[in-house]
Amino acid sequence: MLRSSAIGLALAGALGLIATGASAQSVHVGVLECRGIGTTGFIIGSVQDIECVFRTSYMPPVRYHGVVRKWGLDVGVTEASVLAWGVLAPTDRIGPGDLAGTYTGVSAGAAVVVGAGANALVGGSGNTFALQPVSVEGQTGINVTLGVASLELRYGP
């Protein structure tokens, strides 16, 4: 009972972060596309390495490396995943490496052979960026998740 209350509080807090980060003054500046290798969920969480590319109309694609961590219910095995987020920023242009940082939010998903999930995250430099799902997460495998997600992005080729 205590564990479910703690997860509920964490989810509520993450939803508050998302609402704060995605203010009316944010501008869509591009899309962050990420691919991950398979993971094994351990009931209380999982960790997945990802490779990302930020695409925008005003500069060449920018590469990032990252780690997605999930806390909460996460049971099963997945082989691969693809994530795409619309990037919202306080200005209409950002530079290479500006998305580096830690993002947090709520994660929910299910996969049976091929499945879907959604992850909305807020973070980066001074929590000024919001990552809003533009396509659902495509996974192969069998997995169920619900909890708080964290994404750490590092700039680099």
C-alpha atoms as a PDB file:
ATOM      1  CA  MET A   1       0.000   0.000   0.000  1.00  0.00           C
ATOM      2  CA  LEU A   2       2.817   2.381   0.886  1.00  0.00           C
ATOM      3  CA  ARG A   3       4.579   1.637  -2.414  1.00  0.00           C
ATOM      4  CA  SER A   4       1.463   2.404  -4.495  1.00  0.00           C
ATOM      5  CA  SER A   5       0.998   5.688  -2.593  1.00  0.00           C
ATOM      6  CA  ALA A   6       4.616   6.643  -3.307  1.00  0.00           C
ATOM      7  CA  ILE A   7       4.183   5.863  -7.005  1.00  0.00           C
ATOM      8  CA  GLY A   8       0.968   7.919  -7.065  1.00  0.00           C
ATOM      9  CA  LEU A   9       2.730  10.910  -5.511  1.00  0.00           C
ATOM     10  CA  ALA A  10       5.617  10.586  -7.970  1.00  0.00           C
ATOM     11  CA  LEU A  11       3.206  10.494 -10.920  1.00  0.00           C
ATOM     12  CA  ALA A  12       1.337  13.555  -9.638  1.00  0.00           C
ATOM     13  CA  GLY A  13       4.617  15.439  -9.216  1.00  0.00           C
ATOM     14  CA  ALA A  14       5.756  14.522 -12.712  1.00  0.00           C
ATOM     15  CA  LEU A  15       2.460  15.722 -14.183  1.00  0.00           C
ATOM     16  CA  GLY A  16       3.017  19.055 -12.419  1.00  0.00           C
ATOM     17  CA  LEU A  17       6.467  19.356 -13.997  1.00  0.00           C
ATOM     18  CA  ILE A  18       5.027  18.718 -17.440  1.00  0.00           C
ATOM     19  CA  ALA A  19       2.357  21.392 -17.005  1.00  0.00           C
ATOM     20  CA  THR A  20       4.963  23.896 -15.775  1.00  0.00           C
ATOM     21  CA  GLY A  21       7.480  23.248 -18.564  1.00  0.00           C
ATOM     22  CA  ALA A  22       5.022  23.364 -21.456  1.00  0.00           C
ATOM     23  CA  SER A  23       3.887  26.949 -20.984  1.00  0.00           C
ATOM     24  CA  ALA A  24       1.920  28.985 -23.530  1.00  0.00           C
ATOM     25  CA  GLN A  25       5.124  30.854 -24.488  1.00  0.00           C
ATOM     26  CA  SER A  26       6.902  27.720 -25.749  1.00  0.00           C
ATOM     27  CA  VAL A  27       7.740  27.405 -29.447  1.00  0.00           C
ATOM     28  CA  HIS A  28       8.027  24.161 -31.427  1.00  0.00           C
ATOM     29  CA  VAL A  29      11.660  24.124 -32.676  1.00  0.00           C
ATOM     30  CA  GLY A  30      12.068  20.615 -34.078  1.00  0.00           C
ATOM     31  CA  VAL A  31      11.809  16.876 -33.503  1.00  0.00           C
ATOM     32  CA  LEU A  32      13.998  14.599 -31.380  1.00  0.00           C
ATOM     33  CA  GLU A  33      14.066  11.050 -32.787  1.00  0.00           C
ATOM     34  CA  CYS A  34      15.564   8.287 -30.628  1.00  0.00           C
ATOM     35  CA  ARG A  35      16.200   4.569 -31.081  1.00  0.00           C
ATOM     36  CA  GLY A  36      16.893   2.192 -28.232  1.00  0.00           C
ATOM     37  CA  ILE A  37      18.044  -1.374 -27.877  1.00  0.00           C
ATOM     38  CA  GLY A  38      16.078  -3.997 -25.968  1.00  0.00           C
ATOM     39  CA  THR A  39      15.458  -3.910 -22.223  1.00  0.00           C
ATOM     40  CA  THR A  40      14.356  -6.217 -19.464  1.00  0.00           C
ATOM     41  CA  GLY A  41      11.923  -4.736 -16.937  1.00  0.00           C
ATOM     42  CA  PHE A  42      12.600  -5.520 -13.278  1.00  0.00           C
ATOM     43  CA  ILE A  43       9.135  -4.754 -11.797  1.00  0.00           C
ATOM     44  CA  ILE A  44      10.391  -1.556 -10.116  1.00  0.00           C
ATOM     45  CA  GLY A  45      12.082  -0.103 -13.180  1.00  0.00           C
ATOM     46  CA  SER A  46      14.277  -0.390 -16.254  1.00  0.00           C
ATOM     47  CA  VAL A  47      17.228   1.300 -17.977  1.00  0.00           C
ATOM     48  CA  GLN A  48      17.658   1.720 -21.749  1.00  0.00           C
ATOM     49  CA  ASP A  49      20.502   3.298 -23.764  1.00  0.00           C
ATOM     50  CA  ILE A  50      19.333   5.349 -26.747  1.00  0.00           C
ATOM     51  CA  GLU A  51      20.832   7.171 -29.735  1.00  0.00           C
ATOM     52  CA  CYS A  52      19.025  10.366 -30.780  1.00  0.00           C
ATOM     53  CA  VAL A  53      18.993  12.908 -33.605  1.00  0.00           C
ATOM     54  CA  PHE A  54      17.480  16.396 -33.261  1.00  0.00           C
ATOM     55  CA  ARG A  55      16.072  17.625 -36.581  1.00  0.00           C
ATOM     56  CA  THR A  56      15.063  21.200 -37.317  1.00  0.00           C
ATOM     57  CA  SER A  57      14.711  23.373 -40.419  1.00  0.00           C
ATOM     58  CA  TYR A  58      17.516  25.824 -39.573  1.00  0.00           C
ATOM     59  CA  MET A  59      20.593  23.617 -38.948  1.00  0.00           C
ATOM     60  CA  PRO A  60      21.994  20.172 -39.809  1.00  0.00           C
ATOM     61  CA  PRO A  61      20.849  17.192 -37.674  1.00  0.00           C
ATOM     62  CA  VAL A  62      22.384  17.150 -34.175  1.00  0.00           C
ATOM     63  CA  ARG A  63      23.291  13.834 -32.479  1.00  0.00           C
ATOM     64  CA  TYR A  64      22.727  12.988 -28.815  1.00  0.00           C
ATOM     65  CA  HIS A  65      23.333   9.902 -26.682  1.00  0.00           C
ATOM     66  CA  GLY A  66      21.019   9.135 -23.825  1.00  0.00           C
ATOM     67  CA  VAL A  67      19.715   6.872 -21.104  1.00  0.00           C
ATOM     68  CA  VAL A  68      16.024   6.355 -20.299  1.00  0.00           C
ATOM     69  CA  ARG A  69      15.253   5.239 -16.752  1.00  0.00           C
ATOM     70  CA  LYS A  70      11.780   4.208 -15.611  1.00  0.00           C
ATOM     71  CA  TRP A  71      10.612   3.782 -11.999  1.00  0.00           C
ATOM     72  CA  GLY A  72       7.353   2.081 -11.134  1.00  0.00           C
ATOM     73  CA  LEU A  73       5.682  -0.924 -12.735  1.00  0.00           C
ATOM     74  CA  ASP A  74       7.858  -2.291 -15.551  1.00  0.00           C
ATOM     75  CA  VAL A  75       7.522  -6.005 -16.256  1.00  0.00           C
ATOM     76  CA  GLY A  76       8.693  -7.892 -19.345  1.00  0.00           C
ATOM     77  CA  VAL A  77      11.243  -7.969 -22.153  1.00  0.00           C
ATOM     78  CA  THR A  78      11.382  -5.707 -25.220  1.00  0.00           C
ATOM     79  CA  GLU A  79      13.718  -5.988 -28.200  1.00  0.00           C
ATOM     80  CA  ALA A  80      13.770  -2.436 -29.573  1.00  0.00           C
ATOM     81  CA  SER A  81      12.017   0.915 -29.332  1.00  0.00           C
ATOM     82  CA  VAL A  82      11.622   4.090 -31.375  1.00  0.00           C
ATOM     83  CA  LEU A  83      10.666   7.404 -29.743  1.00  0.00           C
ATOM     84  CA  ALA A  84       9.879  10.759 -31.359  1.00  0.00           C
ATOM     85  CA  TRP A  85       9.242  13.978 -29.438  1.00  0.00           C
ATOM     86  CA  GLY A  86       8.304  17.458 -30.563  1.00  0.00           C
ATOM     87  CA  VAL A  87      10.734  19.861 -28.886  1.00  0.00           C
ATOM     88  CA  LEU A  88       9.229  22.971 -27.283  1.00  0.00           C
ATOM     89  CA  ALA A  89      11.627  25.762 -26.280  1.00  0.00           C
ATOM     90  CA  PRO A  90      11.377  29.303 -24.866  1.00  0.00           C
ATOM     91  CA  THR A  91      12.823  30.736 -28.132  1.00  0.00           C
ATOM     92  CA  ASP A  92      12.371  29.908 -31.817  1.00  0.00           C
ATOM     93  CA  ARG A  93      15.986  28.731 -32.264  1.00  0.00           C
ATOM     94  CA  ILE A  94      18.318  26.586 -30.198  1.00  0.00           C
ATOM     95  CA  GLY A  95      21.927  25.640 -30.818  1.00  0.00           C
ATOM     96  CA  PRO A  96      23.769  22.331 -31.116  1.00  0.00           C
ATOM     97  CA  GLY A  97      23.991  20.694 -27.697  1.00  0.00           C
ATOM     98  CA  ASP A  98      21.316  22.883 -26.076  1.00  0.00           C
ATOM     99  CA  LEU A  99      19.037  19.881 -25.424  1.00  0.00           C
ATOM    100  CA  ALA A 100      21.659  18.153 -23.252  1.00  0.00           C
ATOM    101  CA  GLY A 101      20.472  17.606 -19.696  1.00  0.00           C
ATOM    102  CA  THR A 102      18.033  15.627 -17.580  1.00  0.00           C
ATOM    103  CA  TYR A 103      14.308  15.370 -18.352  1.00  0.00           C
ATOM    104  CA  THR A 104      11.557  13.872 -16.172  1.00  0.00           C
ATOM    105  CA  GLY A 105       7.927  12.978 -16.691  1.00  0.00           C
ATOM    106  CA  VAL A 106       5.283  10.272 -16.694  1.00  0.00           C
ATOM    107  CA  SER A 107       5.642   7.062 -18.681  1.00  0.00           C
ATOM    108  CA  ALA A 108       2.943   4.576 -19.667  1.00  0.00           C
ATOM    109  CA  GLY A 109       2.942   1.803 -22.221  1.00  0.00           C
ATOM    110  CA  ALA A 110       2.206  -1.758 -23.198  1.00  0.00           C
ATOM    111  CA  ALA A 111       3.731  -4.091 -25.760  1.00  0.00           C
ATOM    112  CA  VAL A 112       2.585  -7.513 -26.893  1.00  0.00           C
ATOM    113  CA  VAL A 113       4.765  -8.340 -29.924  1.00  0.00           C
ATOM    114  CA  VAL A 114       4.355  -4.753 -31.280  1.00  0.00           C
ATOM    115  CA  GLY A 115       3.003  -2.118 -28.872  1.00  0.00           C
ATOM    116  CA  ALA A 116       2.688   1.553 -28.082  1.00  0.00           C
ATOM    117  CA  GLY A 117       3.429   4.021 -25.301  1.00  0.00           C
ATOM    118  CA  ALA A 118       3.667   7.747 -24.651  1.00  0.00           C
ATOM    119  CA  ASN A 119       6.259   9.754 -22.710  1.00  0.00           C
ATOM    120  CA  ALA A 120       6.017  13.522 -22.054  1.00  0.00           C
ATOM    121  CA  LEU A 121       9.145  14.995 -20.451  1.00  0.00           C
ATOM    122  CA  VAL A 122      10.391  18.373 -19.161  1.00  0.00           C
ATOM    123  CA  GLY A 123      14.008  19.359 -18.513  1.00  0.00           C
ATOM    124  CA  GLY A 124      17.244  20.397 -20.153  1.00  0.00           C
ATOM    125  CA  SER A 125      18.932  23.688 -19.310  1.00  0.00           C
ATOM    126  CA  GLY A 126      16.971  25.154 -16.375  1.00  0.00           C
ATOM    127  CA  ASN A 127      13.946  22.947 -17.167  1.00  0.00           C
ATOM    128  CA  THR A 128      13.256  25.185 -20.178  1.00  0.00           C
ATOM    129  CA  PHE A 129      12.528  22.449 -22.751  1.00  0.00           C
ATOM    130  CA  ALA A 130       9.474  20.215 -23.068  1.00  0.00           C
ATOM    131  CA  LEU A 131       9.507  16.995 -25.070  1.00  0.00           C
ATOM    132  CA  GLN A 132       5.987  16.147 -26.239  1.00  0.00           C
ATOM    133  CA  PRO A 133       5.338  12.802 -27.964  1.00  0.00           C
ATOM    134  CA  VAL A 134       4.725  13.269 -31.715  1.00  0.00           C
ATOM    135  CA  SER A 135       4.450   9.550 -32.376  1.00  0.00           C
ATOM    136  CA  VAL A 136       3.876   6.641 -30.085  1.00  0.00           C
ATOM    137  CA  GLU A 137       6.687   4.435 -28.923  1.00  0.00           C
ATOM    138  CA  GLY A 138       7.017   1.365 -31.140  1.00  0.00           C
ATOM    139  CA  GLN A 139       8.292  -1.712 -29.329  1.00  0.00           C
ATOM    140  CA  THR A 140       8.601  -5.398 -30.010  1.00  0.00           C
ATOM    141  CA  GLY A 141       8.297  -7.875 -27.159  1.00  0.00           C
ATOM    142  CA  ILE A 142       6.051  -8.339 -24.142  1.00  0.00           C
ATOM    143  CA  ASN A 143       6.058  -5.554 -21.558  1.00  0.00           C
ATOM    144  CA  VAL A 144       3.826  -3.370 -19.347  1.00  0.00           C
ATOM    145  CA  THR A 145       5.002  -0.051 -17.843  1.00  0.00           C
ATOM    146  CA  LEU A 146       3.554   2.686 -15.644  1.00  0.00           C
ATOM    147  CA  GLY A 147       5.641   5.118 -13.631  1.00  0.00           C
ATOM    148  CA  VAL A 148       8.013   8.050 -13.718  1.00  0.00           C
ATOM    149  CA  ALA A 149      10.567   8.324 -16.520  1.00  0.00           C
ATOM    150  CA  SER A 150      13.886  10.132 -16.631  1.00  0.00           C
ATOM    151  CA  LEU A 151      15.885  10.885 -19.779  1.00  0.00           C
ATOM    152  CA  GLU A 152      19.519  11.982 -19.668  1.00  0.00           C
ATOM    153  CA  LEU A 153      20.755  13.466 -22.965  1.00  0.00           C
ATOM    154  CA  ARG A 154      24.430  14.016 -23.781  1.00  0.00           C
ATOM    155  CA  TYR A 155      25.553  15.995 -26.830  1.00  0.00           C
ATOM    156  CA  GLY A 156      27.929  14.257 -29.198  1.00  0.00           C
ATOM    157  CA  PRO A 157      28.526  12.461 -32.477  1.00  0.00           C
END
